[in-house]
mmCIF file of all heavy atoms, coordinates in Angstrom:
data_MODEL
# 
_entry.id   MODEL 
# 
loop_
_atom_site.group_PDB 
_atom_site.id 
_atom_site.type_symbol 
_atom_site.label_atom_id 
_atom_site.label_alt_id 
_atom_site.label_comp_id 
_atom_site.label_asym_id 
_atom_site.label_entity_id 
_atom_site.label_seq_id 
_atom_site.pdbx_PDB_ins_code 
_atom_site.Cartn_x 
_atom_site.Cartn_y 
_atom_site.Cartn_z 
_atom_site.occupancy 
_atom_site.B_iso_or_equiv 
_atom_site.pdbx_formal_charge 
_atom_site.auth_seq_id 
_atom_site.auth_comp_id 
_atom_site.auth_asym_id 
_atom_site.auth_atom_id 
_atom_site.pdbx_PDB_model_num 
ATOM 1   N N   . THR A 1 1  ? -7.719  1.960   0.916  1.00 0.00 ? 1  THR A N   1 
ATOM 2   C CA  . THR A 1 1  ? -8.893  2.812   1.115  1.00 0.00 ? 1  THR A CA  1 
ATOM 3   C C   . THR A 1 1  ? -9.034  3.162   2.592  1.00 0.00 ? 1  THR A C   1 
ATOM 4   O O   . THR A 1 1  ? -8.363  2.579   3.452  1.00 0.00 ? 1  THR A O   1 
ATOM 5   C CB  . THR A 1 1  ? -10.188 2.119   0.650  1.00 0.00 ? 1  THR A CB  1 
ATOM 6   O OG1 . THR A 1 1  ? -10.607 1.152   1.640  1.00 0.00 ? 1  THR A OG1 1 
ATOM 7   C CG2 . THR A 1 1  ? -9.996  1.420   -0.683 1.00 0.00 ? 1  THR A CG2 1 
ATOM 8   N N   . ASP A 1 2  ? -9.928  4.107   2.864  1.00 0.00 ? 2  ASP A N   1 
ATOM 9   C CA  . ASP A 1 2  ? -10.220 4.496   4.247  1.00 0.00 ? 2  ASP A CA  1 
ATOM 10  C C   . ASP A 1 2  ? -11.600 4.027   4.684  1.00 0.00 ? 2  ASP A C   1 
ATOM 11  O O   . ASP A 1 2  ? -12.134 4.491   5.693  1.00 0.00 ? 2  ASP A O   1 
ATOM 12  C CB  . ASP A 1 2  ? -10.118 6.024   4.394  1.00 0.00 ? 2  ASP A CB  1 
ATOM 13  C CG  . ASP A 1 2  ? -8.691  6.526   4.211  1.00 0.00 ? 2  ASP A CG  1 
ATOM 14  O OD1 . ASP A 1 2  ? -7.772  5.850   4.710  1.00 0.00 ? 2  ASP A OD1 1 
ATOM 15  O OD2 . ASP A 1 2  ? -8.501  7.581   3.576  1.00 0.00 ? 2  ASP A OD2 1 
ATOM 16  N N   . LEU A 1 3  ? -12.194 3.119   3.934  1.00 0.00 ? 3  LEU A N   1 
ATOM 17  C CA  . LEU A 1 3  ? -13.475 2.556   4.338  1.00 0.00 ? 3  LEU A CA  1 
ATOM 18  C C   . LEU A 1 3  ? -13.325 1.806   5.655  1.00 0.00 ? 3  LEU A C   1 
ATOM 19  O O   . LEU A 1 3  ? -12.238 1.308   5.987  1.00 0.00 ? 3  LEU A O   1 
ATOM 20  C CB  . LEU A 1 3  ? -13.986 1.591   3.264  1.00 0.00 ? 3  LEU A CB  1 
ATOM 21  C CG  . LEU A 1 3  ? -14.332 2.191   1.891  1.00 0.00 ? 3  LEU A CG  1 
ATOM 22  C CD1 . LEU A 1 3  ? -14.667 1.072   0.908  1.00 0.00 ? 3  LEU A CD1 1 
ATOM 23  C CD2 . LEU A 1 3  ? -15.488 3.160   2.002  1.00 0.00 ? 3  LEU A CD2 1 
ATOM 24  N N   . SER A 1 4  ? -14.412 1.715   6.413  1.00 0.00 ? 4  SER A N   1 
ATOM 25  C CA  . SER A 1 4  ? -14.359 0.975   7.675  1.00 0.00 ? 4  SER A CA  1 
ATOM 26  C C   . SER A 1 4  ? -14.191 -0.512  7.392  1.00 0.00 ? 4  SER A C   1 
ATOM 27  O O   . SER A 1 4  ? -14.490 -0.995  6.289  1.00 0.00 ? 4  SER A O   1 
ATOM 28  C CB  . SER A 1 4  ? -15.640 1.205   8.473  1.00 0.00 ? 4  SER A CB  1 
ATOM 29  O OG  . SER A 1 4  ? -16.737 0.549   7.845  1.00 0.00 ? 4  SER A OG  1 
ATOM 30  N N   . VAL A 1 5  ? -13.721 -1.243  8.408  1.00 0.00 ? 5  VAL A N   1 
ATOM 31  C CA  . VAL A 1 5  ? -13.540 -2.689  8.260  1.00 0.00 ? 5  VAL A CA  1 
ATOM 32  C C   . VAL A 1 5  ? -14.865 -3.355  7.907  1.00 0.00 ? 5  VAL A C   1 
ATOM 33  O O   . VAL A 1 5  ? -14.915 -4.240  7.045  1.00 0.00 ? 5  VAL A O   1 
ATOM 34  C CB  . VAL A 1 5  ? -12.947 -3.292  9.546  1.00 0.00 ? 5  VAL A CB  1 
ATOM 35  C CG1 . VAL A 1 5  ? -12.948 -4.818  9.471  1.00 0.00 ? 5  VAL A CG1 1 
ATOM 36  C CG2 . VAL A 1 5  ? -11.536 -2.780  9.782  1.00 0.00 ? 5  VAL A CG2 1 
ATOM 37  N N   . GLN A 1 6  ? -15.943 -2.927  8.550  1.00 0.00 ? 6  GLN A N   1 
ATOM 38  C CA  . GLN A 1 6  ? -17.256 -3.509  8.260  1.00 0.00 ? 6  GLN A CA  1 
ATOM 39  C C   . GLN A 1 6  ? -17.675 -3.257  6.817  1.00 0.00 ? 6  GLN A C   1 
ATOM 40  O O   . GLN A 1 6  ? -18.169 -4.168  6.126  1.00 0.00 ? 6  GLN A O   1 
ATOM 41  C CB  . GLN A 1 6  ? -18.302 -2.917  9.216  1.00 0.00 ? 6  GLN A CB  1 
ATOM 42  C CG  . GLN A 1 6  ? -19.687 -3.535  9.099  1.00 0.00 ? 6  GLN A CG  1 
ATOM 43  C CD  . GLN A 1 6  ? -19.723 -4.990  9.561  1.00 0.00 ? 6  GLN A CD  1 
ATOM 44  O OE1 . GLN A 1 6  ? -18.933 -5.402  10.409 1.00 0.00 ? 6  GLN A OE1 1 
ATOM 45  N NE2 . GLN A 1 6  ? -20.630 -5.779  8.990  1.00 0.00 ? 6  GLN A NE2 1 
ATOM 46  N N   . GLU A 1 7  ? -17.463 -2.038  6.336  1.00 0.00 ? 7  GLU A N   1 
ATOM 47  C CA  . GLU A 1 7  ? -17.815 -1.714  4.947  1.00 0.00 ? 7  GLU A CA  1 
ATOM 48  C C   . GLU A 1 7  ? -17.008 -2.556  3.964  1.00 0.00 ? 7  GLU A C   1 
ATOM 49  O O   . GLU A 1 7  ? -17.538 -3.056  2.964  1.00 0.00 ? 7  GLU A O   1 
ATOM 50  C CB  . GLU A 1 7  ? -17.567 -0.234  4.683  1.00 0.00 ? 7  GLU A CB  1 
ATOM 51  C CG  . GLU A 1 7  ? -18.571 0.705   5.328  1.00 0.00 ? 7  GLU A CG  1 
ATOM 52  C CD  . GLU A 1 7  ? -18.204 2.157   5.110  1.00 0.00 ? 7  GLU A CD  1 
ATOM 53  O OE1 . GLU A 1 7  ? -17.048 2.540   5.394  1.00 0.00 ? 7  GLU A OE1 1 
ATOM 54  O OE2 . GLU A 1 7  ? -19.080 2.918   4.651  1.00 0.00 ? 7  GLU A OE2 1 
ATOM 55  N N   . ILE A 1 8  ? -15.719 -2.709  4.251  1.00 0.00 ? 8  ILE A N   1 
ATOM 56  C CA  . ILE A 1 8  ? -14.852 -3.477  3.355  1.00 0.00 ? 8  ILE A CA  1 
ATOM 57  C C   . ILE A 1 8  ? -15.256 -4.950  3.346  1.00 0.00 ? 8  ILE A C   1 
ATOM 58  O O   . ILE A 1 8  ? -15.294 -5.591  2.291  1.00 0.00 ? 8  ILE A O   1 
ATOM 59  C CB  . ILE A 1 8  ? -13.378 -3.321  3.778  1.00 0.00 ? 8  ILE A CB  1 
ATOM 60  C CG1 . ILE A 1 8  ? -12.904 -1.895  3.492  1.00 0.00 ? 8  ILE A CG1 1 
ATOM 61  C CG2 . ILE A 1 8  ? -12.489 -4.330  3.055  1.00 0.00 ? 8  ILE A CG2 1 
ATOM 62  C CD1 . ILE A 1 8  ? -11.514 -1.589  4.029  1.00 0.00 ? 8  ILE A CD1 1 
ATOM 63  N N   . MET A 1 9  ? -15.572 -5.470  4.517  1.00 0.00 ? 9  MET A N   1 
ATOM 64  C CA  . MET A 1 9  ? -15.977 -6.865  4.617  1.00 0.00 ? 9  MET A CA  1 
ATOM 65  C C   . MET A 1 9  ? -17.232 -7.119  3.778  1.00 0.00 ? 9  MET A C   1 
ATOM 66  O O   . MET A 1 9  ? -17.285 -8.059  2.976  1.00 0.00 ? 9  MET A O   1 
ATOM 67  C CB  . MET A 1 9  ? -16.246 -7.215  6.081  1.00 0.00 ? 9  MET A CB  1 
ATOM 68  C CG  . MET A 1 9  ? -16.629 -8.669  6.312  1.00 0.00 ? 9  MET A CG  1 
ATOM 69  S SD  . MET A 1 9  ? -17.032 -9.018  8.048  1.00 0.00 ? 9  MET A SD  1 
ATOM 70  C CE  . MET A 1 9  ? -18.684 -8.292  8.144  1.00 0.00 ? 9  MET A CE  1 
ATOM 71  N N   . GLU A 1 10 ? -18.234 -6.257  3.930  1.00 0.00 ? 10 GLU A N   1 
ATOM 72  C CA  . GLU A 1 10 ? -19.483 -6.430  3.198  1.00 0.00 ? 10 GLU A CA  1 
ATOM 73  C C   . GLU A 1 10 ? -19.285 -6.187  1.706  1.00 0.00 ? 10 GLU A C   1 
ATOM 74  O O   . GLU A 1 10 ? -19.878 -6.893  0.876  1.00 0.00 ? 10 GLU A O   1 
ATOM 75  C CB  . GLU A 1 10 ? -20.542 -5.477  3.761  1.00 0.00 ? 10 GLU A CB  1 
ATOM 76  C CG  . GLU A 1 10 ? -20.948 -5.821  5.199  1.00 0.00 ? 10 GLU A CG  1 
ATOM 77  C CD  . GLU A 1 10 ? -21.896 -4.806  5.798  1.00 0.00 ? 10 GLU A CD  1 
ATOM 78  O OE1 . GLU A 1 10 ? -22.170 -3.784  5.126  1.00 0.00 ? 10 GLU A OE1 1 
ATOM 79  O OE2 . GLU A 1 10 ? -22.365 -5.031  6.935  1.00 0.00 ? 10 GLU A OE2 1 
ATOM 80  N N   . LYS A 1 11 ? -18.464 -5.206  1.364  1.00 0.00 ? 11 LYS A N   1 
ATOM 81  C CA  . LYS A 1 11 ? -18.189 -4.891  -0.043 1.00 0.00 ? 11 LYS A CA  1 
ATOM 82  C C   . LYS A 1 11 ? -17.599 -6.088  -0.779 1.00 0.00 ? 11 LYS A C   1 
ATOM 83  O O   . LYS A 1 11 ? -17.828 -6.276  -1.980 1.00 0.00 ? 11 LYS A O   1 
ATOM 84  C CB  . LYS A 1 11 ? -17.217 -3.709  -0.094 1.00 0.00 ? 11 LYS A CB  1 
ATOM 85  C CG  . LYS A 1 11 ? -16.632 -3.365  -1.462 1.00 0.00 ? 11 LYS A CG  1 
ATOM 86  C CD  . LYS A 1 11 ? -15.742 -2.140  -1.339 1.00 0.00 ? 11 LYS A CD  1 
ATOM 87  C CE  . LYS A 1 11 ? -15.036 -1.814  -2.659 1.00 0.00 ? 11 LYS A CE  1 
ATOM 88  N NZ  . LYS A 1 11 ? -13.880 -2.673  -2.897 1.00 0.00 ? 11 LYS A NZ  1 
ATOM 89  N N   . ASN A 1 12 ? -16.855 -6.924  -0.073 1.00 0.00 ? 12 ASN A N   1 
ATOM 90  C CA  . ASN A 1 12 ? -16.172 -8.065  -0.692 1.00 0.00 ? 12 ASN A CA  1 
ATOM 91  C C   . ASN A 1 12 ? -16.857 -9.400  -0.433 1.00 0.00 ? 12 ASN A C   1 
ATOM 92  O O   . ASN A 1 12 ? -16.246 -10.452 -0.596 1.00 0.00 ? 12 ASN A O   1 
ATOM 93  C CB  . ASN A 1 12 ? -14.721 -8.104  -0.212 1.00 0.00 ? 12 ASN A CB  1 
ATOM 94  C CG  . ASN A 1 12 ? -13.892 -6.986  -0.823 1.00 0.00 ? 12 ASN A CG  1 
ATOM 95  O OD1 . ASN A 1 12 ? -13.601 -7.013  -2.009 1.00 0.00 ? 12 ASN A OD1 1 
ATOM 96  N ND2 . ASN A 1 12 ? -13.534 -5.993  -0.022 1.00 0.00 ? 12 ASN A ND2 1 
ATOM 97  N N   . GLY A 1 13 ? -18.127 -9.352  -0.043 1.00 0.00 ? 13 GLY A N   1 
ATOM 98  C CA  . GLY A 1 13 ? -18.930 -10.564 -0.040 1.00 0.00 ? 13 GLY A CA  1 
ATOM 99  C C   . GLY A 1 13 ? -19.020 -11.325 1.268  1.00 0.00 ? 13 GLY A C   1 
ATOM 100 O O   . GLY A 1 13 ? -19.644 -12.393 1.308  1.00 0.00 ? 13 GLY A O   1 
ATOM 101 N N   . PHE A 1 14 ? -18.405 -10.834 2.359  1.00 0.00 ? 14 PHE A N   1 
ATOM 102 C CA  . PHE A 1 14 ? -18.490 -11.533 3.643  1.00 0.00 ? 14 PHE A CA  1 
ATOM 103 C C   . PHE A 1 14 ? -19.698 -11.040 4.426  1.00 0.00 ? 14 PHE A C   1 
ATOM 104 O O   . PHE A 1 14 ? -19.888 -9.831  4.599  1.00 0.00 ? 14 PHE A O   1 
ATOM 105 C CB  . PHE A 1 14 ? -17.230 -11.296 4.484  1.00 0.00 ? 14 PHE A CB  1 
ATOM 106 C CG  . PHE A 1 14 ? -16.193 -12.376 4.329  1.00 0.00 ? 14 PHE A CG  1 
ATOM 107 C CD1 . PHE A 1 14 ? -14.974 -12.099 3.742  1.00 0.00 ? 14 PHE A CD1 1 
ATOM 108 C CD2 . PHE A 1 14 ? -16.427 -13.669 4.781  1.00 0.00 ? 14 PHE A CD2 1 
ATOM 109 C CE1 . PHE A 1 14 ? -14.003 -13.081 3.608  1.00 0.00 ? 14 PHE A CE1 1 
ATOM 110 C CE2 . PHE A 1 14 ? -15.465 -14.661 4.647  1.00 0.00 ? 14 PHE A CE2 1 
ATOM 111 C CZ  . PHE A 1 14 ? -14.259 -14.368 4.054  1.00 0.00 ? 14 PHE A CZ  1 
ATOM 112 N N   . THR A 1 15 ? -20.498 -11.964 4.918  1.00 0.00 ? 15 THR A N   1 
ATOM 113 C CA  . THR A 1 15 ? -21.628 -11.617 5.783  1.00 0.00 ? 15 THR A CA  1 
ATOM 114 C C   . THR A 1 15 ? -21.421 -12.135 7.203  1.00 0.00 ? 15 THR A C   1 
ATOM 115 O O   . THR A 1 15 ? -22.185 -11.796 8.096  1.00 0.00 ? 15 THR A O   1 
ATOM 116 C CB  . THR A 1 15 ? -22.936 -12.210 5.222  1.00 0.00 ? 15 THR A CB  1 
ATOM 117 O OG1 . THR A 1 15 ? -22.792 -13.634 5.076  1.00 0.00 ? 15 THR A OG1 1 
ATOM 118 C CG2 . THR A 1 15 ? -23.258 -11.604 3.854  1.00 0.00 ? 15 THR A CG2 1 
ATOM 119 N N   . ASN A 1 16 ? -20.401 -12.945 7.402  1.00 0.00 ? 16 ASN A N   1 
ATOM 120 C CA  . ASN A 1 16 ? -20.111 -13.534 8.703  1.00 0.00 ? 16 ASN A CA  1 
ATOM 121 C C   . ASN A 1 16 ? -18.746 -13.018 9.173  1.00 0.00 ? 16 ASN A C   1 
ATOM 122 O O   . ASN A 1 16 ? -17.712 -13.411 8.634  1.00 0.00 ? 16 ASN A O   1 
ATOM 123 C CB  . ASN A 1 16 ? -20.111 -15.062 8.589  1.00 0.00 ? 16 ASN A CB  1 
ATOM 124 C CG  . ASN A 1 16 ? -19.902 -15.760 9.922  1.00 0.00 ? 16 ASN A CG  1 
ATOM 125 O OD1 . ASN A 1 16 ? -19.086 -15.343 10.737 1.00 0.00 ? 16 ASN A OD1 1 
ATOM 126 N ND2 . ASN A 1 16 ? -20.650 -16.838 10.131 1.00 0.00 ? 16 ASN A ND2 1 
ATOM 127 N N   . GLN A 1 17 ? -18.744 -12.132 10.158 1.00 0.00 ? 17 GLN A N   1 
ATOM 128 C CA  . GLN A 1 17 ? -17.493 -11.511 10.589 1.00 0.00 ? 17 GLN A CA  1 
ATOM 129 C C   . GLN A 1 17 ? -16.545 -12.521 11.223 1.00 0.00 ? 17 GLN A C   1 
ATOM 130 O O   . GLN A 1 17 ? -15.327 -12.440 11.021 1.00 0.00 ? 17 GLN A O   1 
ATOM 131 C CB  . GLN A 1 17 ? -17.769 -10.374 11.580 1.00 0.00 ? 17 GLN A CB  1 
ATOM 132 C CG  . GLN A 1 17 ? -16.512 -9.609  11.963 1.00 0.00 ? 17 GLN A CG  1 
ATOM 133 C CD  . GLN A 1 17 ? -16.817 -8.342  12.718 1.00 0.00 ? 17 GLN A CD  1 
ATOM 134 O OE1 . GLN A 1 17 ? -17.967 -8.050  13.007 1.00 0.00 ? 17 GLN A OE1 1 
ATOM 135 N NE2 . GLN A 1 17 ? -15.782 -7.580  13.045 1.00 0.00 ? 17 GLN A NE2 1 
ATOM 136 N N   . LYS A 1 18 ? -17.068 -13.469 11.961 1.00 0.00 ? 18 LYS A N   1 
ATOM 137 C CA  . LYS A 1 18 ? -16.212 -14.480 12.588 1.00 0.00 ? 18 LYS A CA  1 
ATOM 138 C C   . LYS A 1 18 ? -15.479 -15.300 11.537 1.00 0.00 ? 18 LYS A C   1 
ATOM 139 O O   . LYS A 1 18 ? -14.275 -15.556 11.647 1.00 0.00 ? 18 LYS A O   1 
ATOM 140 C CB  . LYS A 1 18 ? -17.058 -15.382 13.491 1.00 0.00 ? 18 LYS A CB  1 
ATOM 141 C CG  . LYS A 1 18 ? -16.235 -16.379 14.298 1.00 0.00 ? 18 LYS A CG  1 
ATOM 142 C CD  . LYS A 1 18 ? -17.131 -17.170 15.245 1.00 0.00 ? 18 LYS A CD  1 
ATOM 143 C CE  . LYS A 1 18 ? -16.312 -18.166 16.052 1.00 0.00 ? 18 LYS A CE  1 
ATOM 144 N NZ  . LYS A 1 18 ? -17.180 -18.957 16.980 1.00 0.00 ? 18 LYS A NZ  1 
ATOM 145 N N   . LEU A 1 19 ? -16.216 -15.713 10.498 1.00 0.00 ? 19 LEU A N   1 
ATOM 146 C CA  . LEU A 1 19 ? -15.602 -16.480 9.410  1.00 0.00 ? 19 LEU A CA  1 
ATOM 147 C C   . LEU A 1 19 ? -14.593 -15.619 8.664  1.00 0.00 ? 19 LEU A C   1 
ATOM 148 O O   . LEU A 1 19 ? -13.515 -16.089 8.292  1.00 0.00 ? 19 LEU A O   1 
ATOM 149 C CB  . LEU A 1 19 ? -16.682 -16.974 8.449  1.00 0.00 ? 19 LEU A CB  1 
ATOM 150 C CG  . LEU A 1 19 ? -16.209 -17.720 7.200  1.00 0.00 ? 19 LEU A CG  1 
ATOM 151 C CD1 . LEU A 1 19 ? -15.415 -18.971 7.576  1.00 0.00 ? 19 LEU A CD1 1 
ATOM 152 C CD2 . LEU A 1 19 ? -17.386 -18.084 6.304  1.00 0.00 ? 19 LEU A CD2 1 
ATOM 153 N N   . CYS A 1 20 ? -14.929 -14.361 8.468  1.00 0.00 ? 20 CYS A N   1 
ATOM 154 C CA  . CYS A 1 20 ? -14.011 -13.440 7.794  1.00 0.00 ? 20 CYS A CA  1 
ATOM 155 C C   . CYS A 1 20 ? -12.708 -13.314 8.572  1.00 0.00 ? 20 CYS A C   1 
ATOM 156 O O   . CYS A 1 20 ? -11.618 -13.426 8.005  1.00 0.00 ? 20 CYS A O   1 
ATOM 157 C CB  . CYS A 1 20 ? -14.670 -12.076 7.638  1.00 0.00 ? 20 CYS A CB  1 
ATOM 158 S SG  . CYS A 1 20 ? -13.587 -10.811 6.933  1.00 0.00 ? 20 CYS A SG  1 
ATOM 159 N N   . ASN A 1 21 ? -12.814 -13.086 9.877  1.00 0.00 ? 21 ASN A N   1 
ATOM 160 C CA  . ASN A 1 21 ? -11.612 -12.929 10.701 1.00 0.00 ? 21 ASN A CA  1 
ATOM 161 C C   . ASN A 1 21 ? -10.763 -14.191 10.694 1.00 0.00 ? 21 ASN A C   1 
ATOM 162 O O   . ASN A 1 21 ? -9.527  -14.122 10.609 1.00 0.00 ? 21 ASN A O   1 
ATOM 163 C CB  . ASN A 1 21 ? -12.006 -12.583 12.141 1.00 0.00 ? 21 ASN A CB  1 
ATOM 164 C CG  . ASN A 1 21 ? -12.487 -11.158 12.281 1.00 0.00 ? 21 ASN A CG  1 
ATOM 165 O OD1 . ASN A 1 21 ? -12.237 -10.312 11.422 1.00 0.00 ? 21 ASN A OD1 1 
ATOM 166 N ND2 . ASN A 1 21 ? -13.194 -10.868 13.365 1.00 0.00 ? 21 ASN A ND2 1 
ATOM 167 N N   . ARG A 1 22 ? -11.405 -15.346 10.766 1.00 0.00 ? 22 ARG A N   1 
ATOM 168 C CA  . ARG A 1 22 ? -10.659 -16.604 10.785 1.00 0.00 ? 22 ARG A CA  1 
ATOM 169 C C   . ARG A 1 22 ? -9.936  -16.827 9.457  1.00 0.00 ? 22 ARG A C   1 
ATOM 170 O O   . ARG A 1 22 ? -8.754  -17.189 9.432  1.00 0.00 ? 22 ARG A O   1 
ATOM 171 C CB  . ARG A 1 22 ? -11.599 -17.770 11.082 1.00 0.00 ? 22 ARG A CB  1 
ATOM 172 C CG  . ARG A 1 22 ? -10.859 -19.101 11.203 1.00 0.00 ? 22 ARG A CG  1 
ATOM 173 C CD  . ARG A 1 22 ? -11.743 -20.213 11.715 1.00 0.00 ? 22 ARG A CD  1 
ATOM 174 N NE  . ARG A 1 22 ? -12.713 -20.637 10.713 1.00 0.00 ? 22 ARG A NE  1 
ATOM 175 C CZ  . ARG A 1 22 ? -14.028 -20.556 10.840 1.00 0.00 ? 22 ARG A CZ  1 
ATOM 176 N NH1 . ARG A 1 22 ? -14.552 -20.039 11.945 1.00 0.00 ? 22 ARG A NH1 1 
ATOM 177 N NH2 . ARG A 1 22 ? -14.841 -20.970 9.893  1.00 0.00 ? 22 ARG A NH2 1 
ATOM 178 N N   . THR A 1 23 ? -10.637 -16.608 8.358  1.00 0.00 ? 23 THR A N   1 
ATOM 179 C CA  . THR A 1 23 ? -10.022 -16.787 7.040  1.00 0.00 ? 23 THR A CA  1 
ATOM 180 C C   . THR A 1 23 ? -8.875  -15.812 6.842  1.00 0.00 ? 23 THR A C   1 
ATOM 181 O O   . THR A 1 23 ? -7.797  -16.185 6.354  1.00 0.00 ? 23 THR A O   1 
ATOM 182 C CB  . THR A 1 23 ? -11.068 -16.574 5.927  1.00 0.00 ? 23 THR A CB  1 
ATOM 183 O OG1 . THR A 1 23 ? -12.165 -17.470 6.136  1.00 0.00 ? 23 THR A OG1 1 
ATOM 184 C CG2 . THR A 1 23 ? -10.466 -16.825 4.555  1.00 0.00 ? 23 THR A CG2 1 
ATOM 185 N N   . PHE A 1 24 ? -9.092  -14.561 7.228  1.00 0.00 ? 24 PHE A N   1 
ATOM 186 C CA  . PHE A 1 24 ? -8.083  -13.520 7.047  1.00 0.00 ? 24 PHE A CA  1 
ATOM 187 C C   . PHE A 1 24 ? -6.839  -13.823 7.881  1.00 0.00 ? 24 PHE A C   1 
ATOM 188 O O   . PHE A 1 24 ? -5.704  -13.671 7.417  1.00 0.00 ? 24 PHE A O   1 
ATOM 189 C CB  . PHE A 1 24 ? -8.668  -12.170 7.457  1.00 0.00 ? 24 PHE A CB  1 
ATOM 190 C CG  . PHE A 1 24 ? -7.896  -10.989 6.938  1.00 0.00 ? 24 PHE A CG  1 
ATOM 191 C CD1 . PHE A 1 24 ? -8.167  -10.454 5.700  1.00 0.00 ? 24 PHE A CD1 1 
ATOM 192 C CD2 . PHE A 1 24 ? -6.892  -10.416 7.700  1.00 0.00 ? 24 PHE A CD2 1 
ATOM 193 C CE1 . PHE A 1 24 ? -7.465  -9.366  5.216  1.00 0.00 ? 24 PHE A CE1 1 
ATOM 194 C CE2 . PHE A 1 24 ? -6.180  -9.333  7.233  1.00 0.00 ? 24 PHE A CE2 1 
ATOM 195 C CZ  . PHE A 1 24 ? -6.457  -8.806  5.990  1.00 0.00 ? 24 PHE A CZ  1 
ATOM 196 N N   . LYS A 1 25 ? -7.056  -14.302 9.096  1.00 0.00 ? 25 LYS A N   1 
ATOM 197 C CA  . LYS A 1 25 ? -5.923  -14.599 9.970  1.00 0.00 ? 25 LYS A CA  1 
ATOM 198 C C   . LYS A 1 25 ? -5.107  -15.768 9.443  1.00 0.00 ? 25 LYS A C   1 
ATOM 199 O O   . LYS A 1 25 ? -3.874  -15.801 9.581  1.00 0.00 ? 25 LYS A O   1 
ATOM 200 C CB  . LYS A 1 25 ? -6.417  -14.894 11.388 1.00 0.00 ? 25 LYS A CB  1 
ATOM 201 C CG  . LYS A 1 25 ? -5.315  -14.869 12.440 1.00 0.00 ? 25 LYS A CG  1 
ATOM 202 C CD  . LYS A 1 25 ? -5.891  -14.896 13.842 1.00 0.00 ? 25 LYS A CD  1 
ATOM 203 C CE  . LYS A 1 25 ? -4.778  -14.782 14.879 1.00 0.00 ? 25 LYS A CE  1 
ATOM 204 N NZ  . LYS A 1 25 ? -5.320  -14.776 16.259 1.00 0.00 ? 25 LYS A NZ  1 
ATOM 205 N N   . GLU A 1 26 ? -5.761  -16.739 8.825  1.00 0.00 ? 26 GLU A N   1 
ATOM 206 C CA  . GLU A 1 26 ? -5.040  -17.869 8.230  1.00 0.00 ? 26 GLU A CA  1 
ATOM 207 C C   . GLU A 1 26 ? -4.086  -17.401 7.132  1.00 0.00 ? 26 GLU A C   1 
ATOM 208 O O   . GLU A 1 26 ? -3.006  -17.958 6.949  1.00 0.00 ? 26 GLU A O   1 
ATOM 209 C CB  . GLU A 1 26 ? -6.036  -18.879 7.649  1.00 0.00 ? 26 GLU A CB  1 
ATOM 210 C CG  . GLU A 1 26 ? -6.797  -19.672 8.702  1.00 0.00 ? 26 GLU A CG  1 
ATOM 211 C CD  . GLU A 1 26 ? -7.889  -20.537 8.084  1.00 0.00 ? 26 GLU A CD  1 
ATOM 212 O OE1 . GLU A 1 26 ? -8.116  -20.411 6.862  1.00 0.00 ? 26 GLU A OE1 1 
ATOM 213 O OE2 . GLU A 1 26 ? -8.521  -21.321 8.819  1.00 0.00 ? 26 GLU A OE2 1 
ATOM 214 N N   . LEU A 1 27 ? -4.484  -16.357 6.383  1.00 0.00 ? 27 LEU A N   1 
ATOM 215 C CA  . LEU A 1 27 ? -3.676  -15.860 5.282  1.00 0.00 ? 27 LEU A CA  1 
ATOM 216 C C   . LEU A 1 27 ? -2.636  -14.837 5.708  1.00 0.00 ? 27 LEU A C   1 
ATOM 217 O O   . LEU A 1 27 ? -1.511  -14.831 5.202  1.00 0.00 ? 27 LEU A O   1 
ATOM 218 C CB  . LEU A 1 27 ? -4.573  -15.228 4.215  1.00 0.00 ? 27 LEU A CB  1 
ATOM 219 C CG  . LEU A 1 27 ? -5.447  -16.171 3.395  1.00 0.00 ? 27 LEU A CG  1 
ATOM 220 C CD1 . LEU A 1 27 ? -6.310  -15.371 2.443  1.00 0.00 ? 27 LEU A CD1 1 
ATOM 221 C CD2 . LEU A 1 27 ? -4.606  -17.168 2.635  1.00 0.00 ? 27 LEU A CD2 1 
ATOM 222 N N   . TYR A 1 28 ? -3.019  -13.937 6.631  1.00 0.00 ? 28 TYR A N   1 
ATOM 223 C CA  . TYR A 1 28 ? -2.175  -12.780 6.931  1.00 0.00 ? 28 TYR A CA  1 
ATOM 224 C C   . TYR A 1 28 ? -1.670  -12.710 8.367  1.00 0.00 ? 28 TYR A C   1 
ATOM 225 O O   . TYR A 1 28 ? -0.938  -11.791 8.710  1.00 0.00 ? 28 TYR A O   1 
ATOM 226 C CB  . TYR A 1 28 ? -2.939  -11.498 6.585  1.00 0.00 ? 28 TYR A CB  1 
ATOM 227 C CG  . TYR A 1 28 ? -3.293  -11.416 5.119  1.00 0.00 ? 28 TYR A CG  1 
ATOM 228 C CD1 . TYR A 1 28 ? -4.593  -11.674 4.690  1.00 0.00 ? 28 TYR A CD1 1 
ATOM 229 C CD2 . TYR A 1 28 ? -2.337  -11.128 4.161  1.00 0.00 ? 28 TYR A CD2 1 
ATOM 230 C CE1 . TYR A 1 28 ? -4.923  -11.629 3.338  1.00 0.00 ? 28 TYR A CE1 1 
ATOM 231 C CE2 . TYR A 1 28 ? -2.653  -11.079 2.809  1.00 0.00 ? 28 TYR A CE2 1 
ATOM 232 C CZ  . TYR A 1 28 ? -3.943  -11.333 2.416  1.00 0.00 ? 28 TYR A CZ  1 
ATOM 233 O OH  . TYR A 1 28 ? -4.261  -11.289 1.087  1.00 0.00 ? 28 TYR A OH  1 
# 
């Protein structure tokens, strides 16, 4: 998709960007 990173994060249930980035980096 072309949604913004913030929109995608919120769409998928993340409210904490720091936690999102840390979790995402562990996987990818």
